Structure formats: C-alpha cells, structure tokens
Amino acid sequence: MTETPPPEHGLDHASDHASEARADERPSWFDDKRNAHKLFWAVVVLCAVLFLADAFYHKHVVFDFENWFGFFGLFGFSVSFALVLVSRELRKILMRDEDYYDR
C-alpha cells in the first residue's frame, strides 16, 4: 500500500482531490435525463392544478384586481420573469473582470 503525499498548499492539488472524490460518488437521481424531465413535468402539472384551484376558494381581498382568476399565480410568474430580465441587465453593470481580486 502506498502512502499519499502530504497536502500541498495550492489550488491544483485541491482540484485534483475534488475530482477524485466526484469520480467515486454514486450517480444522482437527477443525472438521468428522463428523471429530470419527469420532475419538470411534475412541477408543470402542480402549477396548473394550483392555478385551477383558484376557482374553488373564497378570497378576502383588499383590491378588486386581486379577485381576478389566477391573479396571484400570474403576478408571481411575471415578477419572477421580470427579475430574471433585470438581473441580466444588472450583470452588465456589476460584473468584474476575471482577475479582479488578483489585482
């Protein structure tokens, strides 16, 4: 049995050790593309069921537009979509060079 060398100070050795640890891991359930598709469609069906459930309960609203069918689902989707668009634009302003902290 060979003895492993003592850890060196540096990123190269740490990345080698991390890749060895990943090679020994058992594959995740999400590594199979079919399972990822199943999860995606399960979330789509769940969203559709929750959207349709909006017709079957009484809402105590403050503003009249809150009574619109599916308002909160559509509002949440549109705001999260807008958040992605805004974050893409903010990235252009806030992004730093790759070697920003090395300088």
PDB file of N, CA and C in Angstrom:
ATOM      1  N   MET A   1       0.845  -1.170   0.000  1.00  0.00           N
ATOM      2  CA  MET A   1       0.000   0.000   0.000  1.00  0.00           C
ATOM      3  C   MET A   1       0.894   1.238   0.000  1.00  0.00           C
ATOM      4  N   THR A   2       0.593   2.160  -0.896  1.00  0.00           N
ATOM      5  CA  THR A   2       1.408   3.365  -0.975  1.00  0.00           C
ATOM      6  C   THR A   2       0.810   4.452  -0.106  1.00  0.00           C
ATOM      7  N   GLU A   3       1.671   5.264   0.382  1.00  0.00           N
ATOM      8  CA  GLU A   3       1.238   6.358   1.241  1.00  0.00           C
ATOM      9  C   GLU A   3       0.988   7.595   0.395  1.00  0.00           C
ATOM     10  N   THR A   4      -0.078   8.320   0.673  1.00  0.00           N
ATOM     11  CA  THR A   4      -0.370   9.533  -0.087  1.00  0.00           C
ATOM     12  C   THR A   4       0.524  10.652   0.394  1.00  0.00           C
ATOM     13  N   PRO A   5       0.966  11.502  -0.523  1.00  0.00           N
ATOM     14  CA  PRO A   5       1.845  12.603  -0.119  1.00  0.00           C
ATOM     15  C   PRO A   5       1.064  13.618   0.724  1.00  0.00           C
ATOM     16  N   PRO A   6       1.765  14.371   1.552  1.00  0.00           N
ATOM     17  CA  PRO A   6       1.091  15.376   2.382  1.00  0.00           C
ATOM     18  C   PRO A   6       0.465  16.442   1.495  1.00  0.00           C
ATOM     19  N   PRO A   7      -0.628  17.026   1.956  1.00  0.00           N
ATOM     20  CA  PRO A   7      -1.299  18.049   1.141  1.00  0.00           C
ATOM     21  C   PRO A   7      -0.397  19.251   0.910  1.00  0.00           C
ATOM     22  N   GLU A   8      -0.390  19.709  -0.322  1.00  0.00           N
ATOM     23  CA  GLU A   8       0.388  20.889  -0.672  1.00  0.00           C
ATOM     24  C   GLU A   8      -0.503  22.110  -0.607  1.00  0.00           C
ATOM     25  N   HIS A   9       0.107  23.239  -0.454  1.00  0.00           N
ATOM     26  CA  HIS A   9      -0.656  24.474  -0.464  1.00  0.00           C
ATOM     27  C   HIS A   9      -0.752  24.937  -1.905  1.00  0.00           C
ATOM     28  N   GLY A  10      -1.938  24.884  -2.443  1.00  0.00           N
ATOM     29  CA  GLY A  10      -2.138  25.294  -3.829  1.00  0.00           C
ATOM     30  C   GLY A  10      -3.464  24.769  -4.332  1.00  0.00           C
ATOM     31  N   LEU A  11      -3.952  25.403  -5.345  1.00  0.00           N
ATOM     32  CA  LEU A  11      -5.256  25.034  -5.877  1.00  0.00           C
ATOM     33  C   LEU A  11      -5.207  23.779  -6.730  1.00  0.00           C
ATOM     34  N   ASP A  12      -4.074  23.493  -7.367  1.00  0.00           N
ATOM     35  CA  ASP A  12      -4.000  22.343  -8.254  1.00  0.00           C
ATOM     36  C   ASP A  12      -4.252  21.046  -7.503  1.00  0.00           C
ATOM     37  N   HIS A  13      -3.636  20.896  -6.341  1.00  0.00           N
ATOM     38  CA  HIS A  13      -3.811  19.672  -5.566  1.00  0.00           C
ATOM     39  C   HIS A  13      -5.240  19.559  -5.052  1.00  0.00           C
ATOM     40  N   ALA A  14      -5.818  20.665  -4.639  1.00  0.00           N
ATOM     41  CA  ALA A  14      -7.187  20.641  -4.123  1.00  0.00           C
ATOM     42  C   ALA A  14      -8.170  20.266  -5.220  1.00  0.00           C
ATOM     43  N   SER A  15      -7.980  20.774  -6.430  1.00  0.00           N
ATOM     44  CA  SER A  15      -8.888  20.440  -7.512  1.00  0.00           C
ATOM     45  C   SER A  15      -8.729  18.978  -7.921  1.00  0.00           C
ATOM     46  N   ASP A  16      -7.503  18.431  -7.867  1.00  0.00           N
ATOM     47  CA  ASP A  16      -7.306  17.018  -8.171  1.00  0.00           C
ATOM     48  C   ASP A  16      -8.038  16.145  -7.157  1.00  0.00           C
ATOM     49  N   HIS A  17      -7.947  16.514  -5.899  1.00  0.00           N
ATOM     50  CA  HIS A  17      -8.616  15.751  -4.844  1.00  0.00           C
ATOM     51  C   HIS A  17     -10.136  15.820  -5.011  1.00  0.00           C
ATOM     52  N   ALA A  18     -10.655  16.980  -5.390  1.00  0.00           N
ATOM     53  CA  ALA A  18     -12.099  17.130  -5.574  1.00  0.00           C
ATOM     54  C   ALA A  18     -12.585  16.292  -6.752  1.00  0.00           C
ATOM     55  N   SER A  19     -11.811  16.234  -7.830  1.00  0.00           N
ATOM     56  CA  SER A  19     -12.232  15.439  -8.983  1.00  0.00           C
ATOM     57  C   SER A  19     -12.183  13.952  -8.660  1.00  0.00           C
ATOM     58  N   GLU A  20     -11.224  13.528  -7.827  1.00  0.00           N
ATOM     59  CA  GLU A  20     -11.175  12.128  -7.415  1.00  0.00           C
ATOM     60  C   GLU A  20     -12.382  11.778  -6.560  1.00  0.00           C
ATOM     61  N   ALA A  21     -12.791  12.673  -5.679  1.00  0.00           N
ATOM     62  CA  ALA A  21     -13.950  12.426  -4.825  1.00  0.00           C
ATOM     63  C   ALA A  21     -15.213  12.331  -5.662  1.00  0.00           C
ATOM     64  N   ARG A  22     -15.338  13.161  -6.703  1.00  0.00           N
ATOM     65  CA  ARG A  22     -16.515  13.110  -7.563  1.00  0.00           C
ATOM     66  C   ARG A  22     -16.562  11.821  -8.365  1.00  0.00           C
ATOM     67  N   ALA A  23     -15.420  11.295  -8.745  1.00  0.00           N
ATOM     68  CA  ALA A  23     -15.384  10.063  -9.533  1.00  0.00           C
ATOM     69  C   ALA A  23     -15.878   8.876  -8.714  1.00  0.00           C
ATOM     70  N   ASP A  24     -15.694   8.917  -7.396  1.00  0.00           N
ATOM     71  CA  ASP A  24     -16.106   7.812  -6.534  1.00  0.00           C
ATOM     72  C   ASP A  24     -17.571   7.902  -6.126  1.00  0.00           C
ATOM     73  N   GLU A  25     -18.221   9.032  -6.352  1.00  0.00           N
ATOM     74  CA  GLU A  25     -19.603   9.203  -5.913  1.00  0.00           C
ATOM     75  C   GLU A  25     -20.560   8.373  -6.747  1.00  0.00           C
ATOM     76  N   ARG A  26     -21.662   8.000  -6.112  1.00  0.00           N
ATOM     77  CA  ARG A  26     -22.738   7.313  -6.809  1.00  0.00           C
ATOM     78  C   ARG A  26     -23.504   8.326  -7.641  1.00  0.00           C
ATOM     79  N   PRO A  27     -23.955   7.986  -8.844  1.00  0.00           N
ATOM     80  CA  PRO A  27     -24.687   8.964  -9.658  1.00  0.00           C
ATOM     81  C   PRO A  27     -25.989   9.378  -8.974  1.00  0.00           C
ATOM     82  N   SER A  28     -26.321  10.614  -9.127  1.00  0.00           N
ATOM     83  CA  SER A  28     -27.536  11.161  -8.532  1.00  0.00           C
ATOM     84  C   SER A  28     -28.759  10.772  -9.356  1.00  0.00           C
ATOM     85  N   TRP A  29     -29.917  10.852  -8.738  1.00  0.00           N
ATOM     86  CA  TRP A  29     -31.181  10.570  -9.426  1.00  0.00           C
ATOM     87  C   TRP A  29     -31.384  11.558 -10.562  1.00  0.00           C
ATOM     88  N   PHE A  30     -30.892  12.773 -10.413  1.00  0.00           N
ATOM     89  CA  PHE A  30     -31.072  13.809 -11.421  1.00  0.00           C
ATOM     90  C   PHE A  30     -30.089  13.683 -12.584  1.00  0.00           C
ATOM     91  N   ASP A  31     -29.092  12.816 -12.470  1.00  0.00           N
ATOM     92  CA  ASP A  31     -28.147  12.634 -13.567  1.00  0.00           C
ATOM     93  C   ASP A  31     -28.800  11.988 -14.781  1.00  0.00           C
ATOM     94  N   ASP A  32     -29.856  11.223 -14.557  1.00  0.00           N
ATOM     95  CA  ASP A  32     -30.589  10.621 -15.664  1.00  0.00           C
ATOM     96  C   ASP A  32     -31.538  11.666 -16.246  1.00  0.00           C
ATOM     97  N   LYS A  33     -31.413  11.922 -17.543  1.00  0.00           N
ATOM     98  CA  LYS A  33     -32.198  12.967 -18.193  1.00  0.00           C
ATOM     99  C   LYS A  33     -33.700  12.694 -18.108  1.00  0.00           C
ATOM    100  N   ARG A  34     -34.088  11.427 -18.129  1.00  0.00           N
ATOM    101  CA  ARG A  34     -35.516  11.083 -18.037  1.00  0.00           C
ATOM    102  C   ARG A  34     -36.098  11.519 -16.696  1.00  0.00           C
ATOM    103  N   ASN A  35     -35.332  11.365 -15.628  1.00  0.00           N
ATOM    104  CA  ASN A  35     -35.817  11.778 -14.311  1.00  0.00           C
ATOM    105  C   ASN A  35     -35.951  13.292 -14.221  1.00  0.00           C
ATOM    106  N   ALA A  36     -35.035  14.021 -14.849  1.00  0.00           N
ATOM    107  CA  ALA A  36     -35.133  15.480 -14.857  1.00  0.00           C
ATOM    108  C   ALA A  36     -36.388  15.918 -15.611  1.00  0.00           C
ATOM    109  N   HIS A  37     -36.692  15.239 -16.715  1.00  0.00           N
ATOM    110  CA  HIS A  37     -37.914  15.557 -17.466  1.00  0.00           C
ATOM    111  C   HIS A  37     -39.165  15.228 -16.652  1.00  0.00           C
ATOM    112  N   LYS A  38     -39.132  14.117 -15.922  1.00  0.00           N
ATOM    113  CA  LYS A  38     -40.270  13.754 -15.063  1.00  0.00           C
ATOM    114  C   LYS A  38     -40.504  14.834 -14.008  1.00  0.00           C
ATOM    115  N   LEU A  39     -39.421  15.307 -13.403  1.00  0.00           N
ATOM    116  CA  LEU A  39     -39.544  16.341 -12.378  1.00  0.00           C
ATOM    117  C   LEU A  39     -40.082  17.635 -12.981  1.00  0.00           C
ATOM    118  N   PHE A  40     -39.588  18.009 -14.159  1.00  0.00           N
ATOM    119  CA  PHE A  40     -40.068  19.218 -14.830  1.00  0.00           C
ATOM    120  C   PHE A  40     -41.572  19.135 -15.080  1.00  0.00           C
ATOM    121  N   TRP A  41     -42.039  18.018 -15.630  1.00  0.00           N
ATOM    122  CA  TRP A  41     -43.463  17.899 -15.929  1.00  0.00           C
ATOM    123  C   TRP A  41     -44.300  17.782 -14.661  1.00  0.00           C
ATOM    124  N   ALA A  42     -43.751  17.222 -13.600  1.00  0.00           N
ATOM    125  CA  ALA A  42     -44.465  17.188 -12.323  1.00  0.00           C
ATOM    126  C   ALA A  42     -44.678  18.605 -11.795  1.00  0.00           C
ATOM    127  N   VAL A  43     -43.670  19.454 -11.928  1.00  0.00           N
ATOM    128  CA  VAL A  43     -43.807  20.849 -11.488  1.00  0.00           C
ATOM    129  C   VAL A  43     -44.813  21.588 -12.360  1.00  0.00           C
ATOM    130  N   VAL A  44     -44.807  21.330 -13.670  1.00  0.00           N
ATOM    131  CA  VAL A  44     -45.774  21.966 -14.572  1.00  0.00           C
ATOM    132  C   VAL A  44     -47.191  21.566 -14.201  1.00  0.00           C
ATOM    133  N   VAL A  45     -47.415  20.276 -13.946  1.00  0.00           N
ATOM    134  CA  VAL A  45     -48.758  19.800 -13.568  1.00  0.00           C
ATOM    135  C   VAL A  45     -49.168  20.402 -12.226  1.00  0.00           C
ATOM    136  N   LEU A  46     -48.264  20.453 -11.275  1.00  0.00           N
ATOM    137  CA  LEU A  46     -48.570  21.042  -9.973  1.00  0.00           C
ATOM    138  C   LEU A  46     -48.959  22.516 -10.110  1.00  0.00           C
ATOM    139  N   CYS A  47     -48.227  23.266 -10.937  1.00  0.00           N
ATOM    140  CA  CYS A  47     -48.560  24.673 -11.160  1.00  0.00           C
ATOM    141  C   CYS A  47     -49.937  24.814 -11.805  1.00  0.00           C
ATOM    142  N   ALA A  48     -50.251  23.949 -12.765  1.00  0.00           N
ATOM    143  CA  ALA A  48     -51.556  24.006 -13.421  1.00  0.00           C
ATOM    144  C   ALA A  48     -52.680  23.688 -12.439  1.00  0.00           C
ATOM    145  N   VAL A  49     -52.489  22.690 -11.582  1.00  0.00           N
ATOM    146  CA  VAL A  49     -53.506  22.332 -10.588  1.00  0.00           C
ATOM    147  C   VAL A  49     -53.712  23.474  -9.605  1.00  0.00           C
ATOM    148  N   LEU A  50     -52.640  24.079  -9.146  1.00  0.00           N
ATOM    149  CA  LEU A  50     -52.766  25.197  -8.211  1.00  0.00           C
ATOM    150  C   LEU A  50     -53.408  26.405  -8.873  1.00  0.00           C
ATOM    151  N   PHE A  51     -53.123  26.614 -10.155  1.00  0.00           N
ATOM    152  CA  PHE A  51     -53.746  27.711 -10.896  1.00  0.00           C
ATOM    153  C   PHE A  51     -55.253  27.482 -11.002  1.00  0.00           C
ATOM    154  N   LEU A  52     -55.665  26.252 -11.309  1.00  0.00           N
ATOM    155  CA  LEU A  52     -57.093  25.937 -11.424  1.00  0.00           C
ATOM    156  C   LEU A  52     -57.789  25.928 -10.065  1.00  0.00           C
ATOM    157  N   ALA A  53     -57.059  25.643  -9.002  1.00  0.00           N
ATOM    158  CA  ALA A  53     -57.642  25.642  -7.661  1.00  0.00           C
ATOM    159  C   ALA A  53     -58.100  27.029  -7.246  1.00  0.00           C
ATOM    160  N   ASP A  54     -57.635  28.033  -7.936  1.00  0.00           N
ATOM    161  CA  ASP A  54     -58.015  29.412  -7.621  1.00  0.00           C
ATOM    162  C   ASP A  54     -59.524  29.630  -7.757  1.00  0.00           C
ATOM    163  N   ALA A  55     -60.185  28.807  -8.538  1.00  0.00           N
ATOM    164  CA  ALA A  55     -61.625  28.963  -8.750  1.00  0.00           C
ATOM    165  C   ALA A  55     -62.452  28.385  -7.602  1.00  0.00           C
ATOM    166  N   PHE A  56     -61.846  27.634  -6.712  1.00  0.00           N
ATOM    167  CA  PHE A  56     -62.611  26.872  -5.727  1.00  0.00           C
ATOM    168  C   PHE A  56     -62.505  27.368  -4.287  1.00  0.00           C
ATOM    169  N   TYR A  57     -62.009  28.545  -4.069  1.00  0.00           N
ATOM    170  CA  TYR A  57     -61.977  29.071  -2.704  1.00  0.00           C
ATOM    171  C   TYR A  57     -62.293  30.563  -2.720  1.00  0.00           C
ATOM    172  N   HIS A  58     -62.773  31.050  -1.574  1.00  0.00           N
ATOM    173  CA  HIS A  58     -63.144  32.452  -1.441  1.00  0.00           C
ATOM    174  C   HIS A  58     -61.933  33.250  -0.968  1.00  0.00           C
ATOM    175  N   LYS A  59     -61.706  34.352  -1.647  1.00  0.00           N
ATOM    176  CA  LYS A  59     -60.567  35.208  -1.291  1.00  0.00           C
ATOM    177  C   LYS A  59     -61.066  36.425  -0.513  1.00  0.00           C
ATOM    178  N   HIS A  60     -60.319  36.825   0.469  1.00  0.00           N
ATOM    179  CA  HIS A  60     -60.600  38.048   1.205  1.00  0.00           C
ATOM    180  C   HIS A  60     -59.623  39.094   0.675  1.00  0.00           C
ATOM    181  N   VAL A  61     -60.095  39.891  -0.258  1.00  0.00           N
ATOM    182  CA  VAL A  61     -59.203  40.788  -0.987  1.00  0.00           C
ATOM    183  C   VAL A  61     -59.300  42.212  -0.465  1.00  0.00           C
ATOM    184  N   VAL A  62     -58.271  42.978  -0.724  1.00  0.00           N
ATOM    185  CA  VAL A  62     -58.251  44.396  -0.393  1.00  0.00           C
ATOM    186  C   VAL A  62     -58.557  45.205  -1.652  1.00  0.00           C
ATOM    187  N   PHE A  63     -57.969  44.801  -2.779  1.00  0.00           N
ATOM    188  CA  PHE A  63     -58.177  45.489  -4.045  1.00  0.00           C
ATOM    189  C   PHE A  63     -58.975  44.591  -4.984  1.00  0.00           C
ATOM    190  N   ASP A  64     -59.759  45.190  -5.874  1.00  0.00           N
ATOM    191  CA  ASP A  64     -60.617  44.411  -6.768  1.00  0.00           C
ATOM    192  C   ASP A  64     -59.831  43.520  -7.725  1.00  0.00           C
ATOM    193  N   PHE A  65     -58.665  43.974  -8.176  1.00  0.00           N
ATOM    194  CA  PHE A  65     -57.907  43.163  -9.130  1.00  0.00           C
ATOM    195  C   PHE A  65     -57.402  41.859  -8.516  1.00  0.00           C
ATOM    196  N   GLU A  66     -57.377  41.766  -7.197  1.00  0.00           N
ATOM    197  CA  GLU A  66     -56.978  40.516  -6.553  1.00  0.00           C
ATOM    198  C   GLU A  66     -58.019  39.420  -6.745  1.00  0.00           C
ATOM    199  N   ASN A  67     -59.228  39.793  -7.143  1.00  0.00           N
ATOM    200  CA  ASN A  67     -60.289  38.826  -7.396  1.00  0.00           C
ATOM    201  C   ASN A  67     -60.190  38.201  -8.779  1.00  0.00           C
ATOM    202  N   TRP A  68     -59.352  38.732  -9.653  1.00  0.00           N
ATOM    203  CA  TRP A  68     -59.216  38.171 -10.993  1.00  0.00           C
ATOM    204  C   TRP A  68     -58.745  36.724 -10.882  1.00  0.00           C
ATOM    205  N   PHE A  69     -59.278  35.887 -11.768  1.00  0.00           N
ATOM    206  CA  PHE A  69     -58.914  34.464 -11.751  1.00  0.00           C
ATOM    207  C   PHE A  69     -57.421  34.301 -12.029  1.00  0.00           C
ATOM    208  N   GLY A  70     -56.732  33.620 -11.133  1.00  0.00           N
ATOM    209  CA  GLY A  70     -55.313  33.328 -11.308  1.00  0.00           C
ATOM    210  C   GLY A  70     -54.398  34.517 -11.128  1.00  0.00           C
ATOM    211  N   PHE A  71     -54.884  35.577 -10.488  1.00  0.00           N
ATOM    212  CA  PHE A  71     -54.078  36.793 -10.361  1.00  0.00           C
ATOM    213  C   PHE A  71     -52.737  36.533  -9.688  1.00  0.00           C
ATOM    214  N   PHE A  72     -52.754  35.859  -8.547  1.00  0.00           N
ATOM    215  CA  PHE A  72     -51.517  35.694  -7.777  1.00  0.00           C
ATOM    216  C   PHE A  72     -50.519  34.787  -8.496  1.00  0.00           C
ATOM    217  N   GLY A  73     -50.993  33.764  -9.190  1.00  0.00           N
ATOM    218  CA  GLY A  73     -50.098  32.915  -9.970  1.00  0.00           C
ATOM    219  C   GLY A  73     -49.476  33.671 -11.123  1.00  0.00           C
ATOM    220  N   LEU A  74     -50.290  34.432 -11.841  1.00  0.00           N
ATOM    221  CA  LEU A  74     -49.773  35.212 -12.969  1.00  0.00           C
ATOM    222  C   LEU A  74     -48.859  36.336 -12.496  1.00  0.00           C
ATOM    223  N   PHE A  75     -49.223  36.954 -11.387  1.00  0.00           N
ATOM    224  CA  PHE A  75     -48.382  38.004 -10.818  1.00  0.00           C
ATOM    225  C   PHE A  75     -47.019  37.441 -10.415  1.00  0.00           C
ATOM    226  N   GLY A  76     -47.016  36.302  -9.725  1.00  0.00           N
ATOM    227  CA  GLY A  76     -45.756  35.686  -9.305  1.00  0.00           C
ATOM    228  C   GLY A  76     -44.888  35.294 -10.487  1.00  0.00           C
ATOM    229  N   PHE A  77     -45.514  34.736 -11.533  1.00  0.00           N
ATOM    230  CA  PHE A  77     -44.746  34.344 -12.712  1.00  0.00           C
ATOM    231  C   PHE A  77     -44.165  35.566 -13.410  1.00  0.00           C
ATOM    232  N   SER A  78     -44.981  36.605 -13.577  1.00  0.00           N
ATOM    233  CA  SER A  78     -44.492  37.791 -14.289  1.00  0.00           C
ATOM    234  C   SER A  78     -43.398  38.518 -13.511  1.00  0.00           C
ATOM    235  N   VAL A  79     -43.519  38.560 -12.195  1.00  0.00           N
ATOM    236  CA  VAL A  79     -42.483  39.223 -11.395  1.00  0.00           C
ATOM    237  C   VAL A  79     -41.183  38.428 -11.419  1.00  0.00           C
ATOM    238  N   SER A  80     -41.266  37.099 -11.353  1.00  0.00           N
ATOM    239  CA  SER A  80     -40.034  36.308 -11.406  1.00  0.00           C
ATOM    240  C   SER A  80     -39.389  36.401 -12.788  1.00  0.00           C
ATOM    241  N   PHE A  81     -40.200  36.477 -13.840  1.00  0.00           N
ATOM    242  CA  PHE A  81     -39.673  36.658 -15.192  1.00  0.00           C
ATOM    243  C   PHE A  81     -38.981  38.018 -15.307  1.00  0.00           C
ATOM    244  N   ALA A  82     -39.618  39.056 -14.755  1.00  0.00           N
ATOM    245  CA  ALA A  82     -39.021  40.392 -14.780  1.00  0.00           C
ATOM    246  C   ALA A  82     -37.723  40.426 -13.966  1.00  0.00           C
ATOM    247  N   LEU A  83     -37.687  39.690 -12.868  1.00  0.00           N
ATOM    248  CA  LEU A  83     -36.476  39.626 -12.046  1.00  0.00           C
ATOM    249  C   LEU A  83     -35.302  39.043 -12.833  1.00  0.00           C
ATOM    250  N   VAL A  84     -35.567  38.022 -13.635  1.00  0.00           N
ATOM    251  CA  VAL A  84     -34.513  37.432 -14.467  1.00  0.00           C
ATOM    252  C   VAL A  84     -34.025  38.451 -15.491  1.00  0.00           C
ATOM    253  N   LEU A  85     -34.956  39.160 -16.132  1.00  0.00           N
ATOM    254  CA  LEU A  85     -34.563  40.152 -17.134  1.00  0.00           C
ATOM    255  C   LEU A  85     -33.755  41.286 -16.518  1.00  0.00           C
ATOM    256  N   VAL A  86     -34.168  41.763 -15.359  1.00  0.00           N
ATOM    257  CA  VAL A  86     -33.452  42.841 -14.677  1.00  0.00           C
ATOM    258  C   VAL A  86     -32.066  42.369 -14.239  1.00  0.00           C
ATOM    259  N   SER A  87     -31.994  41.135 -13.752  1.00  0.00           N
ATOM    260  CA  SER A  87     -30.697  40.636 -13.288  1.00  0.00           C
ATOM    261  C   SER A  87     -29.719  40.479 -14.449  1.00  0.00           C
ATOM    262  N   ARG A  88     -30.221  40.142 -15.635  1.00  0.00           N
ATOM    263  CA  ARG A  88     -29.332  40.052 -16.806  1.00  0.00           C
ATOM    264  C   ARG A  88     -28.741  41.413 -17.146  1.00  0.00           C
ATOM    265  N   GLU A  89     -29.531  42.456 -17.006  1.00  0.00           N
ATOM    266  CA  GLU A  89     -29.029  43.802 -17.275  1.00  0.00           C
ATOM    267  C   GLU A  89     -28.090  44.278 -16.165  1.00  0.00           C
ATOM    268  N   LEU A  90     -28.415  43.943 -14.924  1.00  0.00           N
ATOM    269  CA  LEU A  90     -27.545  44.322 -13.801  1.00  0.00           C
ATOM    270  C   LEU A  90     -26.180  43.642 -13.903  1.00  0.00           C
ATOM    271  N   ARG A  91     -26.159  42.457 -14.459  1.00  0.00           N
ATOM    272  CA  ARG A  91     -24.901  41.733 -14.618  1.00  0.00           C
ATOM    273  C   ARG A  91     -23.929  42.536 -15.476  1.00  0.00           C
ATOM    274  N   LYS A  92     -24.438  43.203 -16.484  1.00  0.00           N
ATOM    275  CA  LYS A  92     -23.580  44.003 -17.359  1.00  0.00           C
ATOM    276  C   LYS A  92     -22.942  45.159 -16.589  1.00  0.00           C
ATOM    277  N   ILE A  93     -23.654  45.686 -15.618  1.00  0.00           N
ATOM    278  CA  ILE A  93     -23.156  46.823 -14.840  1.00  0.00           C
ATOM    279  C   ILE A  93     -22.214  46.360 -13.724  1.00  0.00           C
ATOM    280  N   LEU A  94     -22.590  45.286 -13.032  1.00  0.00           N
ATOM    281  CA  LEU A  94     -21.872  44.874 -11.833  1.00  0.00           C
ATOM    282  C   LEU A  94     -20.750  43.875 -12.062  1.00  0.00           C
ATOM    283  N   MET A  95     -20.696  43.250 -13.230  1.00  0.00           N
ATOM    284  CA  MET A  95     -19.696  42.213 -13.460  1.00  0.00           C
ATOM    285  C   MET A  95     -18.283  42.789 -13.475  1.00  0.00           C
ATOM    286  N   ARG A  96     -17.387  42.057 -12.837  1.00  0.00           N
ATOM    287  CA  ARG A  96     -15.984  42.444 -12.780  1.00  0.00           C
ATOM    288  C   ARG A  96     -15.157  41.504 -13.649  1.00  0.00           C
ATOM    289  N   ASP A  97     -13.937  41.928 -13.946  1.00  0.00           N
ATOM    290  CA  ASP A  97     -13.034  41.083 -14.718  1.00  0.00           C
ATOM    291  C   ASP A  97     -12.724  39.809 -13.944  1.00  0.00           C
ATOM    292  N   GLU A  98     -12.282  38.795 -14.675  1.00  0.00           N
ATOM    293  CA  GLU A  98     -11.997  37.516 -14.062  1.00  0.00           C
ATOM    294  C   GLU A  98     -10.877  37.606 -13.029  1.00  0.00           C
ATOM    295  N   ASP A  99      -9.923  38.477 -13.237  1.00  0.00           N
ATOM    296  CA  ASP A  99      -8.806  38.625 -12.315  1.00  0.00           C
ATOM    297  C   ASP A  99      -8.972  39.841 -11.398  1.00  0.00           C
ATOM    298  N   TYR A 100     -10.180  40.227 -11.115  1.00  0.00           N
ATOM    299  CA  TYR A 100     -10.467  41.426 -10.314  1.00  0.00           C
ATOM    300  C   TYR A 100      -9.817  41.352  -8.927  1.00  0.00           C
ATOM    301  N   TYR A 101      -9.925  40.204  -8.262  1.00  0.00           N
ATOM    302  CA  TYR A 101      -9.387  40.096  -6.902  1.00  0.00           C
ATOM    303  C   TYR A 101      -7.887  39.805  -6.893  1.00  0.00           C
ATOM    304  N   ASP A 102      -7.337  39.403  -8.018  1.00  0.00           N
ATOM    305  CA  ASP A 102      -5.899  39.142  -8.079  1.00  0.00           C
ATOM    306  C   ASP A 102      -5.098  40.433  -8.171  1.00  0.00           C
ATOM    307  N   ARG A 103      -5.735  41.504  -8.571  1.00  0.00           N
ATOM    308  CA  ARG A 103      -5.016  42.772  -8.719  1.00  0.00           C
ATOM    309  C   ARG A 103      -4.842  43.464  -7.405  1.00  0.00           C
TER     310      ARG A 103
END
